[in-house]
Amino acid sequence: MAKVFVIDRDGEQHELEGEIGWSVMEIIRENNLPIEAACGGCCACATCHVYVDTDWLDKLQTPDDDENMMLDEAFEVQDNSRLSCQIKFNAELDGIKVTLAPEF
């Protein structure tokens, strides 16, 4: 199974098994890491905000207008900020590394 590496808010790295076709948010949530994901993945909040390791940014689709609008509402947005609900996990993303952004 493919892997997703997540650094939690305490700086601890977790190696998660990633289900192809799921969003990164779903993988994080299903592994009981502390991600709110209040809207359930509808791109209607920013509570699944993560920082994507810069080595992986080029492999992701460009954020659409909805995601950019929600990121405008997030705290501590950086150049590598994304909503994890909008990152669809696929074989190309095997090994992706993300860090949970600070809580709202």
N, C-alpha and C. Protein backbone atom coordinates (compact mmCIF):
# COMPACT_ATOMS: atom_id res chain seq x y z
N MET A 1 0.84 -1.18 0.00
CA MET A 1 0.00 0.00 0.00
C MET A 1 0.89 1.25 0.00
N ALA A 2 0.39 2.31 -0.58
CA ALA A 2 1.13 3.56 -0.68
C ALA A 2 1.18 4.27 0.67
N LYS A 3 2.15 5.14 0.83
CA LYS A 3 2.39 5.81 2.12
C LYS A 3 2.17 7.32 2.04
N VAL A 4 1.70 7.85 3.16
CA VAL A 4 1.59 9.29 3.38
C VAL A 4 2.31 9.55 4.70
N PHE A 5 3.21 10.51 4.72
CA PHE A 5 3.92 10.88 5.94
C PHE A 5 3.35 12.19 6.45
N VAL A 6 2.92 12.19 7.70
CA VAL A 6 2.28 13.35 8.30
C VAL A 6 3.03 13.75 9.56
N ILE A 7 3.41 15.01 9.63
CA ILE A 7 4.02 15.55 10.84
C ILE A 7 2.91 16.25 11.62
N ASP A 8 2.67 15.80 12.84
CA ASP A 8 1.61 16.38 13.64
C ASP A 8 2.05 17.70 14.27
N ARG A 9 1.19 18.31 15.05
CA ARG A 9 1.48 19.62 15.63
C ARG A 9 2.50 19.56 16.76
N ASP A 10 2.87 18.36 17.19
CA ASP A 10 3.93 18.20 18.18
C ASP A 10 5.27 17.88 17.53
N GLY A 11 5.29 17.84 16.19
CA GLY A 11 6.52 17.56 15.47
C GLY A 11 6.82 16.09 15.25
N GLU A 12 5.87 15.22 15.63
CA GLU A 12 6.07 13.78 15.46
C GLU A 12 5.61 13.36 14.07
N GLN A 13 6.44 12.54 13.39
CA GLN A 13 6.09 12.06 12.07
C GLN A 13 5.36 10.72 12.17
N HIS A 14 4.30 10.60 11.38
CA HIS A 14 3.49 9.38 11.32
C HIS A 14 3.53 8.84 9.89
N GLU A 15 3.73 7.56 9.75
CA GLU A 15 3.69 6.91 8.45
C GLU A 15 2.33 6.24 8.31
N LEU A 16 1.53 6.73 7.37
CA LEU A 16 0.17 6.23 7.20
C LEU A 16 0.05 5.46 5.89
N GLU A 17 -0.79 4.46 5.89
CA GLU A 17 -1.09 3.76 4.65
C GLU A 17 -2.16 4.56 3.92
N GLY A 18 -1.90 4.86 2.67
CA GLY A 18 -2.81 5.69 1.90
C GLY A 18 -3.63 4.89 0.91
N GLU A 19 -4.92 5.09 0.94
CA GLU A 19 -5.84 4.44 0.01
C GLU A 19 -5.91 5.28 -1.26
N ILE A 20 -5.53 4.69 -2.39
CA ILE A 20 -5.60 5.40 -3.67
C ILE A 20 -7.04 5.82 -3.93
N GLY A 21 -7.20 7.08 -4.34
CA GLY A 21 -8.53 7.61 -4.62
C GLY A 21 -9.12 8.41 -3.47
N TRP A 22 -8.59 8.24 -2.28
CA TRP A 22 -9.04 9.03 -1.14
C TRP A 22 -8.34 10.38 -1.17
N SER A 23 -8.87 11.33 -0.44
CA SER A 23 -8.14 12.58 -0.26
C SER A 23 -7.14 12.40 0.87
N VAL A 24 -6.12 13.23 0.88
CA VAL A 24 -5.14 13.18 1.97
C VAL A 24 -5.84 13.45 3.30
N MET A 25 -6.84 14.32 3.31
CA MET A 25 -7.61 14.60 4.53
C MET A 25 -8.26 13.32 5.06
N GLU A 26 -8.88 12.54 4.17
CA GLU A 26 -9.54 11.31 4.60
C GLU A 26 -8.53 10.33 5.20
N ILE A 27 -7.35 10.25 4.60
CA ILE A 27 -6.32 9.34 5.10
C ILE A 27 -5.87 9.79 6.49
N ILE A 28 -5.66 11.09 6.67
CA ILE A 28 -5.25 11.61 7.98
C ILE A 28 -6.34 11.35 9.02
N ARG A 29 -7.58 11.67 8.67
CA ARG A 29 -8.70 11.50 9.60
C ARG A 29 -8.91 10.03 9.97
N GLU A 30 -8.85 9.15 9.00
CA GLU A 30 -9.08 7.73 9.25
C GLU A 30 -7.98 7.10 10.11
N ASN A 31 -6.85 7.77 10.20
CA ASN A 31 -5.76 7.29 11.05
C ASN A 31 -5.74 8.01 12.40
N ASN A 32 -6.84 8.68 12.71
CA ASN A 32 -7.06 9.29 14.02
C ASN A 32 -6.04 10.36 14.40
N LEU A 33 -5.52 11.06 13.40
CA LEU A 33 -4.68 12.21 13.70
C LEU A 33 -5.57 13.44 13.87
N PRO A 34 -5.12 14.43 14.61
CA PRO A 34 -5.99 15.56 14.97
C PRO A 34 -6.18 16.57 13.83
N ILE A 35 -7.08 16.24 12.93
CA ILE A 35 -7.45 17.16 11.86
C ILE A 35 -8.96 17.33 11.94
N GLU A 36 -9.41 18.58 12.01
CA GLU A 36 -10.84 18.81 12.22
C GLU A 36 -11.67 18.44 11.00
N ALA A 37 -11.33 18.98 9.85
CA ALA A 37 -12.07 18.69 8.61
C ALA A 37 -13.57 18.87 8.82
N ALA A 38 -13.94 20.03 9.32
CA ALA A 38 -15.32 20.32 9.72
C ALA A 38 -16.33 20.12 8.59
N CYS A 39 -15.97 20.46 7.36
CA CYS A 39 -16.93 20.35 6.26
C CYS A 39 -16.94 18.97 5.62
N GLY A 40 -16.08 18.08 6.08
CA GLY A 40 -16.06 16.72 5.55
C GLY A 40 -15.43 16.58 4.18
N GLY A 41 -14.75 17.61 3.72
CA GLY A 41 -14.06 17.51 2.44
C GLY A 41 -14.74 18.25 1.30
N CYS A 42 -15.65 19.15 1.62
CA CYS A 42 -16.41 19.89 0.60
C CYS A 42 -15.74 21.19 0.18
N CYS A 43 -14.55 21.47 0.67
CA CYS A 43 -13.84 22.71 0.38
C CYS A 43 -14.66 23.91 0.83
N ALA A 44 -15.27 23.78 2.02
CA ALA A 44 -16.11 24.85 2.54
C ALA A 44 -15.58 25.40 3.86
N CYS A 45 -14.38 24.99 4.25
CA CYS A 45 -13.74 25.51 5.45
C CYS A 45 -12.23 25.38 5.21
N ALA A 46 -11.45 25.67 6.19
CA ALA A 46 -9.99 25.52 6.03
C ALA A 46 -9.42 24.72 7.19
N THR A 47 -10.24 23.88 7.80
CA THR A 47 -9.80 23.15 9.00
C THR A 47 -9.00 21.89 8.67
N CYS A 48 -8.72 21.66 7.40
CA CYS A 48 -7.84 20.55 7.01
C CYS A 48 -6.56 21.08 6.38
N HIS A 49 -6.22 22.32 6.71
CA HIS A 49 -5.04 23.01 6.19
C HIS A 49 -3.77 22.25 6.54
N VAL A 50 -2.93 22.02 5.54
CA VAL A 50 -1.63 21.39 5.75
C VAL A 50 -0.58 22.15 4.97
N TYR A 51 0.67 21.91 5.34
CA TYR A 51 1.82 22.40 4.59
C TYR A 51 2.40 21.19 3.85
N VAL A 52 2.49 21.30 2.55
CA VAL A 52 3.04 20.21 1.73
C VAL A 52 4.54 20.41 1.61
N ASP A 53 5.29 19.34 1.86
CA ASP A 53 6.73 19.39 1.69
C ASP A 53 7.03 19.89 0.28
N THR A 54 7.96 20.84 0.17
CA THR A 54 8.22 21.49 -1.11
C THR A 54 8.63 20.52 -2.22
N ASP A 55 9.21 19.38 -1.88
CA ASP A 55 9.58 18.39 -2.89
C ASP A 55 8.37 17.81 -3.61
N TRP A 56 7.19 17.96 -3.03
CA TRP A 56 5.97 17.35 -3.57
C TRP A 56 5.05 18.35 -4.27
N LEU A 57 5.29 19.62 -4.13
CA LEU A 57 4.37 20.62 -4.67
C LEU A 57 4.15 20.50 -6.17
N ASP A 58 5.20 20.22 -6.93
CA ASP A 58 5.08 20.13 -8.38
C ASP A 58 4.25 18.93 -8.84
N LYS A 59 4.05 17.97 -7.96
CA LYS A 59 3.27 16.78 -8.33
C LYS A 59 1.77 16.96 -8.09
N LEU A 60 1.41 18.09 -7.47
CA LEU A 60 0.01 18.35 -7.16
C LEU A 60 -0.62 19.23 -8.23
N GLN A 61 -1.93 19.06 -8.41
CA GLN A 61 -2.66 19.98 -9.28
C GLN A 61 -2.68 21.36 -8.64
N THR A 62 -2.74 22.36 -9.44
CA THR A 62 -2.81 23.73 -8.94
C THR A 62 -4.14 23.92 -8.20
N PRO A 63 -4.11 24.61 -7.06
CA PRO A 63 -5.36 24.84 -6.33
C PRO A 63 -6.35 25.64 -7.19
N ASP A 64 -7.63 25.27 -7.12
CA ASP A 64 -8.63 26.03 -7.87
C ASP A 64 -9.07 27.26 -7.07
N ASP A 65 -9.96 28.03 -7.64
CA ASP A 65 -10.41 29.28 -7.00
C ASP A 65 -11.06 29.02 -5.64
N ASP A 66 -11.86 27.96 -5.53
CA ASP A 66 -12.52 27.64 -4.27
C ASP A 66 -11.50 27.36 -3.16
N GLU A 67 -10.49 26.56 -3.49
CA GLU A 67 -9.47 26.25 -2.49
C GLU A 67 -8.69 27.51 -2.11
N ASN A 68 -8.33 28.32 -3.07
CA ASN A 68 -7.62 29.57 -2.76
C ASN A 68 -8.46 30.49 -1.88
N MET A 69 -9.75 30.54 -2.14
CA MET A 69 -10.63 31.38 -1.34
C MET A 69 -10.68 30.88 0.11
N MET A 70 -10.74 29.57 0.30
CA MET A 70 -10.76 29.00 1.65
C MET A 70 -9.41 29.21 2.34
N LEU A 71 -8.32 29.08 1.61
CA LEU A 71 -7.00 29.32 2.20
C LEU A 71 -6.85 30.76 2.67
N ASP A 72 -7.55 31.67 2.01
CA ASP A 72 -7.52 33.07 2.46
C ASP A 72 -8.10 33.21 3.86
N GLU A 73 -8.92 32.25 4.29
CA GLU A 73 -9.54 32.27 5.61
C GLU A 73 -8.69 31.53 6.67
N ALA A 74 -7.67 30.81 6.23
CA ALA A 74 -6.86 30.00 7.14
C ALA A 74 -5.83 30.85 7.88
N PHE A 75 -5.34 30.29 8.99
CA PHE A 75 -4.28 30.94 9.77
C PHE A 75 -2.93 30.48 9.27
N GLU A 76 -1.96 31.37 9.33
CA GLU A 76 -0.57 31.07 9.04
C GLU A 76 -0.36 30.38 7.69
N VAL A 77 -0.98 30.95 6.67
CA VAL A 77 -0.84 30.42 5.31
C VAL A 77 0.57 30.67 4.81
N GLN A 78 1.12 29.67 4.14
CA GLN A 78 2.46 29.76 3.56
C GLN A 78 2.37 29.41 2.07
N ASP A 79 3.47 29.56 1.37
CA ASP A 79 3.48 29.25 -0.07
C ASP A 79 3.15 27.78 -0.35
N ASN A 80 3.41 26.91 0.61
CA ASN A 80 3.15 25.48 0.43
C ASN A 80 1.87 25.02 1.13
N SER A 81 1.00 25.98 1.46
CA SER A 81 -0.27 25.64 2.10
C SER A 81 -1.25 25.04 1.10
N ARG A 82 -1.95 24.00 1.54
CA ARG A 82 -3.02 23.39 0.75
C ARG A 82 -4.09 22.89 1.71
N LEU A 83 -5.28 22.69 1.16
CA LEU A 83 -6.33 22.01 1.91
C LEU A 83 -6.20 20.53 1.59
N SER A 84 -6.02 19.73 2.62
CA SER A 84 -5.77 18.30 2.38
C SER A 84 -6.97 17.59 1.76
N CYS A 85 -8.16 18.17 1.90
CA CYS A 85 -9.34 17.57 1.27
C CYS A 85 -9.29 17.70 -0.25
N GLN A 86 -8.47 18.61 -0.75
CA GLN A 86 -8.37 18.85 -2.19
C GLN A 86 -7.18 18.14 -2.83
N ILE A 87 -6.43 17.39 -2.04
CA ILE A 87 -5.31 16.61 -2.57
C ILE A 87 -5.78 15.17 -2.72
N LYS A 88 -6.06 14.78 -3.95
CA LYS A 88 -6.51 13.42 -4.21
C LYS A 88 -5.29 12.51 -4.29
N PHE A 89 -5.26 11.51 -3.42
CA PHE A 89 -4.11 10.62 -3.33
C PHE A 89 -4.10 9.65 -4.49
N ASN A 90 -2.94 9.54 -5.15
CA ASN A 90 -2.77 8.60 -6.26
C ASN A 90 -1.36 8.00 -6.16
N ALA A 91 -1.06 7.07 -7.04
CA ALA A 91 0.22 6.36 -6.99
C ALA A 91 1.41 7.31 -7.11
N GLU A 92 1.26 8.40 -7.85
CA GLU A 92 2.34 9.37 -7.99
C GLU A 92 2.67 10.06 -6.68
N LEU A 93 1.72 10.07 -5.75
CA LEU A 93 1.92 10.75 -4.47
C LEU A 93 2.39 9.81 -3.37
N ASP A 94 2.72 8.58 -3.73
CA ASP A 94 3.23 7.62 -2.75
C ASP A 94 4.46 8.21 -2.08
N GLY A 95 4.39 8.42 -0.76
CA GLY A 95 5.49 8.98 0.00
C GLY A 95 5.36 10.46 0.28
N ILE A 96 4.26 11.07 -0.14
CA ILE A 96 4.07 12.51 0.10
C ILE A 96 4.19 12.83 1.59
N LYS A 97 4.74 14.00 1.85
CA LYS A 97 4.95 14.42 3.23
C LYS A 97 4.23 15.75 3.45
N VAL A 98 3.37 15.78 4.48
CA VAL A 98 2.63 17.00 4.83
C VAL A 98 2.77 17.24 6.33
N THR A 99 2.59 18.49 6.71
CA THR A 99 2.61 18.89 8.12
C THR A 99 1.28 19.54 8.44
N LEU A 100 0.67 19.13 9.55
CA LEU A 100 -0.59 19.73 9.97
C LEU A 100 -0.35 21.19 10.34
N ALA A 101 -1.16 22.08 9.78
CA ALA A 101 -1.07 23.49 10.11
C ALA A 101 -1.65 23.73 11.50
N PRO A 102 -1.35 24.87 12.11
CA PRO A 102 -1.93 25.17 13.42
C PRO A 102 -3.46 25.13 13.36
N GLU A 103 -4.07 24.77 14.50
CA GLU A 103 -5.52 24.72 14.58
C GLU A 103 -6.12 26.10 14.45
N PHE A 104 -7.35 26.14 13.98
CA PHE A 104 -8.10 27.39 13.88
C PHE A 104 -8.31 27.96 15.24
